[in-house]
Amino acid sequence: MFYVKNVPTWERILRIVMGVVALVFAVMNWSTSGLAVGAGIMGAMLAMTGLVGFCPMCAMVGRKLDKGH
């Protein structure tokens, strides 16, 4: 792999759930709310970082997983 996972399992699950909720909100309100575009982008990013296990913003601030050592 080209990256080191920096998001713990519990947070990955939370990111996926929140991302799907945001995407559903965006789809349901796409034509009526300007907020839907932002929610869609945020939801897609949350879901992707949850699925992959790597968050670029967390890596920029130096976050690393505790391996239990």
N, C-alpha and C. Protein backbone atom coordinates (compact mmCIF):
# COMPACT_ATOMS: atom_id res chain seq x y z
N MET A 1 0.83 -1.19 0.00
CA MET A 1 0.00 0.00 0.00
C MET A 1 0.87 1.25 0.00
N PHE A 2 0.31 2.31 -0.51
CA PHE A 2 1.04 3.56 -0.60
C PHE A 2 0.79 4.48 0.58
N TYR A 3 -0.06 4.08 1.49
CA TYR A 3 -0.41 4.92 2.63
C TYR A 3 -0.54 4.05 3.87
N VAL A 4 -0.46 4.69 5.02
CA VAL A 4 -0.63 4.01 6.29
C VAL A 4 -1.98 4.42 6.85
N LYS A 5 -2.80 3.47 7.22
CA LYS A 5 -4.12 3.80 7.76
C LYS A 5 -3.97 4.63 9.02
N ASN A 6 -4.72 5.71 9.11
CA ASN A 6 -4.65 6.58 10.28
C ASN A 6 -6.02 6.84 10.89
N VAL A 7 -7.01 6.01 10.55
CA VAL A 7 -8.35 6.15 11.10
C VAL A 7 -8.71 4.82 11.78
N PRO A 8 -9.01 4.84 13.09
CA PRO A 8 -9.35 3.59 13.78
C PRO A 8 -10.68 3.02 13.29
N THR A 9 -10.91 1.75 13.58
CA THR A 9 -12.08 1.03 13.09
C THR A 9 -13.39 1.68 13.51
N TRP A 10 -13.51 2.08 14.78
CA TRP A 10 -14.75 2.69 15.25
C TRP A 10 -15.04 3.99 14.50
N GLU A 11 -14.00 4.74 14.20
CA GLU A 11 -14.19 6.00 13.48
C GLU A 11 -14.49 5.75 12.00
N ARG A 12 -13.94 4.68 11.44
CA ARG A 12 -14.24 4.33 10.06
C ARG A 12 -15.72 4.01 9.91
N ILE A 13 -16.28 3.25 10.84
CA ILE A 13 -17.69 2.91 10.80
C ILE A 13 -18.54 4.17 10.93
N LEU A 14 -18.16 5.04 11.85
CA LEU A 14 -18.89 6.30 12.06
C LEU A 14 -18.83 7.18 10.81
N ARG A 15 -17.68 7.25 10.18
CA ARG A 15 -17.53 8.06 8.96
C ARG A 15 -18.39 7.51 7.82
N ILE A 16 -18.45 6.19 7.68
CA ILE A 16 -19.26 5.59 6.62
C ILE A 16 -20.74 5.88 6.86
N VAL A 17 -21.20 5.69 8.10
CA VAL A 17 -22.61 5.94 8.42
C VAL A 17 -22.96 7.40 8.19
N MET A 18 -22.14 8.31 8.70
CA MET A 18 -22.42 9.74 8.53
C MET A 18 -22.34 10.15 7.06
N GLY A 19 -21.43 9.56 6.32
CA GLY A 19 -21.31 9.86 4.89
C GLY A 19 -22.53 9.42 4.11
N VAL A 20 -23.04 8.23 4.42
CA VAL A 20 -24.23 7.74 3.74
C VAL A 20 -25.44 8.61 4.08
N VAL A 21 -25.56 9.01 5.35
CA VAL A 21 -26.67 9.89 5.75
C VAL A 21 -26.59 11.22 5.00
N ALA A 22 -25.41 11.79 4.90
CA ALA A 22 -25.24 13.06 4.19
C ALA A 22 -25.55 12.90 2.70
N LEU A 23 -25.15 11.79 2.11
CA LEU A 23 -25.45 11.55 0.70
C LEU A 23 -26.95 11.38 0.46
N VAL A 24 -27.63 10.69 1.37
CA VAL A 24 -29.08 10.53 1.25
C VAL A 24 -29.76 11.90 1.36
N PHE A 25 -29.31 12.72 2.31
CA PHE A 25 -29.86 14.07 2.43
C PHE A 25 -29.65 14.86 1.14
N ALA A 26 -28.47 14.75 0.58
CA ALA A 26 -28.16 15.49 -0.65
C ALA A 26 -29.05 15.04 -1.81
N VAL A 27 -29.24 13.75 -1.94
CA VAL A 27 -30.07 13.24 -3.03
C VAL A 27 -31.52 13.68 -2.86
N MET A 28 -32.02 13.65 -1.63
CA MET A 28 -33.42 14.00 -1.38
C MET A 28 -33.68 15.50 -1.56
N ASN A 29 -32.68 16.34 -1.35
CA ASN A 29 -32.88 17.79 -1.38
C ASN A 29 -32.08 18.48 -2.48
N TRP A 30 -31.64 17.75 -3.49
CA TRP A 30 -30.75 18.31 -4.50
C TRP A 30 -31.34 19.53 -5.20
N SER A 31 -32.60 19.48 -5.58
CA SER A 31 -33.18 20.59 -6.34
C SER A 31 -33.76 21.69 -5.47
N THR A 32 -33.91 21.47 -4.18
CA THR A 32 -34.56 22.46 -3.32
C THR A 32 -33.61 23.19 -2.39
N SER A 33 -32.43 22.67 -2.15
CA SER A 33 -31.55 23.27 -1.15
C SER A 33 -30.14 23.42 -1.69
N GLY A 34 -29.57 24.61 -1.48
CA GLY A 34 -28.17 24.83 -1.85
C GLY A 34 -27.23 24.08 -0.93
N LEU A 35 -27.72 23.75 0.26
CA LEU A 35 -26.93 23.00 1.23
C LEU A 35 -26.69 21.56 0.76
N ALA A 36 -27.52 21.08 -0.13
CA ALA A 36 -27.43 19.69 -0.58
C ALA A 36 -26.12 19.42 -1.32
N VAL A 37 -25.62 20.38 -2.06
CA VAL A 37 -24.35 20.18 -2.78
C VAL A 37 -23.21 20.00 -1.78
N GLY A 38 -23.17 20.87 -0.79
CA GLY A 38 -22.14 20.75 0.24
C GLY A 38 -22.26 19.46 1.03
N ALA A 39 -23.49 19.07 1.34
CA ALA A 39 -23.71 17.82 2.07
C ALA A 39 -23.28 16.62 1.22
N GLY A 40 -23.53 16.69 -0.08
CA GLY A 40 -23.12 15.61 -0.96
C GLY A 40 -21.61 15.46 -1.04
N ILE A 41 -20.92 16.58 -1.16
CA ILE A 41 -19.45 16.54 -1.20
C ILE A 41 -18.89 16.04 0.12
N MET A 42 -19.42 16.58 1.23
CA MET A 42 -18.96 16.14 2.55
C MET A 42 -19.24 14.66 2.77
N GLY A 43 -20.43 14.21 2.37
CA GLY A 43 -20.79 12.80 2.54
C GLY A 43 -19.90 11.88 1.73
N ALA A 44 -19.60 12.28 0.52
CA ALA A 44 -18.72 11.46 -0.32
C ALA A 44 -17.32 11.36 0.28
N MET A 45 -16.82 12.48 0.78
CA MET A 45 -15.47 12.46 1.38
C MET A 45 -15.45 11.63 2.66
N LEU A 46 -16.47 11.78 3.50
CA LEU A 46 -16.53 10.99 4.72
C LEU A 46 -16.60 9.50 4.42
N ALA A 47 -17.46 9.14 3.48
CA ALA A 47 -17.61 7.73 3.14
C ALA A 47 -16.31 7.16 2.56
N MET A 48 -15.65 7.91 1.71
CA MET A 48 -14.40 7.42 1.11
C MET A 48 -13.29 7.26 2.15
N THR A 49 -13.14 8.24 3.05
CA THR A 49 -12.09 8.10 4.06
C THR A 49 -12.42 6.96 5.01
N GLY A 50 -13.71 6.71 5.24
CA GLY A 50 -14.09 5.58 6.07
C GLY A 50 -13.82 4.25 5.39
N LEU A 51 -14.10 4.16 4.12
CA LEU A 51 -13.87 2.91 3.39
C LEU A 51 -12.38 2.61 3.23
N VAL A 52 -11.59 3.64 2.96
CA VAL A 52 -10.17 3.45 2.72
C VAL A 52 -9.37 3.35 4.02
N GLY A 53 -9.80 4.08 5.05
CA GLY A 53 -9.09 4.06 6.33
C GLY A 53 -7.98 5.07 6.42
N PHE A 54 -7.91 5.96 5.47
CA PHE A 54 -6.87 6.99 5.45
C PHE A 54 -7.53 8.34 5.27
N CYS A 55 -7.15 9.31 6.12
CA CYS A 55 -7.67 10.66 6.03
C CYS A 55 -6.49 11.61 5.78
N PRO A 56 -6.45 12.27 4.63
CA PRO A 56 -5.33 13.16 4.32
C PRO A 56 -5.19 14.31 5.32
N MET A 57 -6.31 14.85 5.80
CA MET A 57 -6.24 15.94 6.77
C MET A 57 -5.63 15.47 8.09
N CYS A 58 -5.99 14.26 8.52
CA CYS A 58 -5.40 13.71 9.74
C CYS A 58 -3.90 13.47 9.55
N ALA A 59 -3.51 13.05 8.37
CA ALA A 59 -2.10 12.81 8.09
C ALA A 59 -1.31 14.12 8.10
N MET A 60 -1.95 15.21 7.63
CA MET A 60 -1.25 16.50 7.60
C MET A 60 -0.95 17.02 9.00
N VAL A 61 -1.79 16.68 9.98
CA VAL A 61 -1.52 17.14 11.35
C VAL A 61 -0.74 16.10 12.15
N GLY A 62 -0.35 14.99 11.51
CA GLY A 62 0.52 14.02 12.14
C GLY A 62 -0.19 12.93 12.92
N ARG A 63 -1.45 12.68 12.68
CA ARG A 63 -2.19 11.66 13.39
C ARG A 63 -1.76 10.27 12.92
N LYS A 64 -1.51 9.38 13.88
CA LYS A 64 -1.12 8.00 13.57
C LYS A 64 -1.93 7.07 14.47
N LEU A 65 -2.17 5.86 13.99
CA LEU A 65 -2.87 4.88 14.79
C LEU A 65 -1.96 4.34 15.86
N ASP A 66 -2.52 4.13 17.04
CA ASP A 66 -1.78 3.50 18.12
C ASP A 66 -1.85 2.00 17.91
N LYS A 67 -0.72 1.39 17.65
CA LYS A 67 -0.69 -0.04 17.35
C LYS A 67 -0.73 -0.90 18.63
N GLY A 68 -0.85 -0.26 19.79
CA GLY A 68 -0.90 -1.01 21.04
C GLY A 68 0.48 -1.37 21.58
N HIS A 69 1.51 -0.68 21.13
CA HIS A 69 2.88 -0.96 21.57
C HIS A 69 3.22 -0.10 22.75
